[in-house]
Amino acid sequence: QVSLVEHGGGSVETGGSLRLSCSASGNQFTSYYMGWFRRAPGKEREFVAGISWNGGRDYYADSVKGRFTISRDNAKNSVYLQMDSLKPADTAVYFCNAASCPELEYPGLYEYPYWGQGTQVTVSS
């Protein structure tokens, strides 16, 4: 079992940056593959990024590749999402997720069992 809490959402203008963080409670954080999803108003949930247990492999949705960076600090039981060059299309509630395995072959297709409560990101034009 793991509990996830996101922080760092807010409002920025187009081209701005935000850094989201997610703190995980529980033991053996390195046993979990970590990901970020988002849900925009009126749209389906969308995979954003994922990272393996030691940070050695990361994956990104095409829509954020080159602008967003996922990282993790296992000593702090935390995962981060650095978001740069933000666009209005990035406006959504962002969720931190955990999978009970250290690696995933298709992180965008996996049904993550653990979710945070979400944090709102709003990008104005």
Protein backbone atom coordinates (compact mmCIF):
# COMPACT_ATOMS: atom_id res chain seq x y z
CA GLN A 1 0.00 0.00 0.00
CA VAL A 2 1.12 3.52 -0.74
CA SER A 3 -0.55 6.89 -0.28
CA LEU A 4 0.24 9.75 -2.63
CA VAL A 5 -0.09 13.51 -2.13
CA GLU A 6 0.59 16.04 -4.87
CA HIS A 7 1.80 19.60 -4.40
CA GLY A 8 2.79 22.48 -6.62
CA GLY A 9 -0.15 23.19 -8.86
CA GLY A 10 -1.18 26.72 -9.67
CA SER A 11 -1.78 29.28 -12.38
CA VAL A 12 0.80 30.52 -14.86
CA GLU A 13 0.87 32.31 -18.18
CA THR A 14 1.74 30.68 -21.48
CA GLY A 15 5.45 29.90 -21.61
CA GLY A 16 5.78 29.70 -17.85
CA SER A 17 6.97 26.85 -15.67
CA LEU A 18 5.69 24.86 -12.74
CA ARG A 19 7.13 22.01 -10.73
CA LEU A 20 4.80 19.41 -9.30
CA SER A 21 5.86 17.13 -6.50
CA CYS A 22 4.34 13.95 -5.15
CA SER A 23 5.13 12.52 -1.73
CA ALA A 24 4.57 8.83 -1.10
CA SER A 25 3.97 7.29 2.30
CA GLY A 26 4.69 3.69 3.10
CA ASN A 27 7.71 1.48 2.71
CA GLN A 28 9.81 0.36 -0.21
CA PHE A 29 9.26 3.33 -2.48
CA THR A 30 11.77 1.79 -4.87
CA SER A 31 9.33 -1.05 -5.49
CA TYR A 32 6.98 1.30 -7.32
CA TYR A 33 6.95 2.56 -10.85
CA MET A 34 5.74 6.17 -10.69
CA GLY A 35 3.73 8.12 -13.20
CA TRP A 36 1.80 11.31 -13.84
CA PHE A 37 -1.57 11.55 -15.57
CA ARG A 38 -3.80 14.53 -16.23
CA ARG A 39 -7.46 15.14 -16.91
CA ALA A 40 -8.57 18.27 -18.72
CA PRO A 41 -12.17 19.49 -18.53
CA GLY A 42 -14.38 17.43 -20.81
CA LYS A 43 -11.55 15.14 -21.89
CA GLU A 44 -10.36 11.65 -21.14
CA ARG A 45 -7.59 10.96 -18.68
CA GLU A 46 -4.19 11.25 -20.39
CA PHE A 47 -0.85 9.68 -19.53
CA VAL A 48 1.82 12.36 -19.15
CA ALA A 49 5.05 10.72 -17.96
CA GLY A 50 6.45 7.72 -16.12
CA ILE A 51 9.71 6.75 -14.45
CA SER A 52 11.22 3.44 -13.40
CA TRP A 53 12.24 2.57 -9.86
CA ASN A 54 15.78 3.96 -10.08
CA GLY A 55 15.09 6.75 -12.53
CA GLY A 56 16.95 4.92 -15.25
CA ARG A 57 14.08 4.89 -17.74
CA ASP A 58 11.48 7.56 -18.33
CA TYR A 59 8.62 7.90 -20.79
CA TYR A 60 6.62 10.85 -22.02
CA ALA A 61 3.48 11.50 -23.95
CA ASP A 62 4.23 13.07 -27.31
CA SER A 63 2.27 16.15 -26.25
CA VAL A 64 4.76 16.97 -23.48
CA LYS A 65 8.01 15.50 -24.78
CA GLY A 66 10.81 18.06 -24.70
CA ARG A 67 8.89 20.34 -22.32
CA PHE A 68 8.24 18.19 -19.24
CA THR A 69 10.76 16.24 -17.16
CA ILE A 70 9.93 13.54 -14.64
CA SER A 71 12.37 12.67 -11.86
CA ARG A 72 12.36 10.93 -8.51
CA ASP A 73 14.27 11.08 -5.25
CA ASN A 74 14.02 7.71 -3.56
CA ALA A 75 15.64 9.01 -0.38
CA LYS A 76 12.70 11.42 -0.03
CA ASN A 77 10.00 9.05 -1.32
CA SER A 78 9.12 11.67 -3.90
CA VAL A 79 8.54 12.06 -7.60
CA TYR A 80 8.54 15.33 -9.51
CA LEU A 81 7.25 16.75 -12.76
CA GLN A 82 9.07 19.82 -14.07
CA MET A 83 6.83 21.54 -16.61
CA ASP A 84 8.34 24.17 -18.87
CA SER A 85 7.04 26.10 -21.87
CA LEU A 86 3.52 25.58 -20.63
CA LYS A 87 0.60 25.99 -22.99
CA PRO A 88 -3.13 26.53 -22.37
CA ALA A 89 -3.62 22.95 -23.61
CA ASP A 90 -1.70 21.77 -20.52
CA THR A 91 -4.48 23.06 -18.27
CA ALA A 92 -5.75 20.05 -16.31
CA VAL A 93 -5.84 18.31 -12.97
CA TYR A 94 -2.58 16.41 -12.61
CA PHE A 95 -2.46 13.12 -10.74
CA CYS A 96 0.46 11.20 -9.33
CA ASN A 97 0.26 7.42 -9.74
CA ALA A 98 2.07 4.35 -8.53
CA ALA A 99 2.29 0.82 -9.87
CA SER A 100 3.35 -2.12 -7.69
CA CYS A 101 6.32 -3.01 -9.83
CA PRO A 102 9.67 -1.34 -10.45
CA GLU A 103 9.45 -1.28 -14.25
CA LEU A 104 6.68 -1.04 -16.83
CA GLU A 105 6.96 -1.81 -20.52
CA TYR A 106 3.89 0.24 -21.48
CA PRO A 107 3.41 2.82 -18.72
CA GLY A 108 0.80 4.75 -20.64
CA LEU A 109 -1.47 1.70 -20.90
CA TYR A 110 -1.15 0.35 -17.38
CA GLU A 111 -4.00 0.55 -14.88
CA TYR A 112 -2.29 2.14 -11.90
CA PRO A 113 -3.80 1.02 -8.58
CA TYR A 114 -2.64 4.02 -6.55
CA TRP A 115 -3.63 7.62 -7.21
CA GLY A 116 -3.15 10.94 -5.49
CA GLN A 117 -5.97 13.43 -5.04
CA GLY A 118 -4.80 15.63 -7.90
CA THR A 119 -3.56 19.20 -8.22
CA GLN A 120 -4.89 21.85 -10.59
CA VAL A 121 -2.65 23.42 -13.21
CA THR A 122 -4.06 26.37 -15.15
CA VAL A 123 -2.20 28.00 -18.03
CA SER A 124 -3.61 31.27 -19.33
CA SER A 125 -3.03 32.68 -22.77
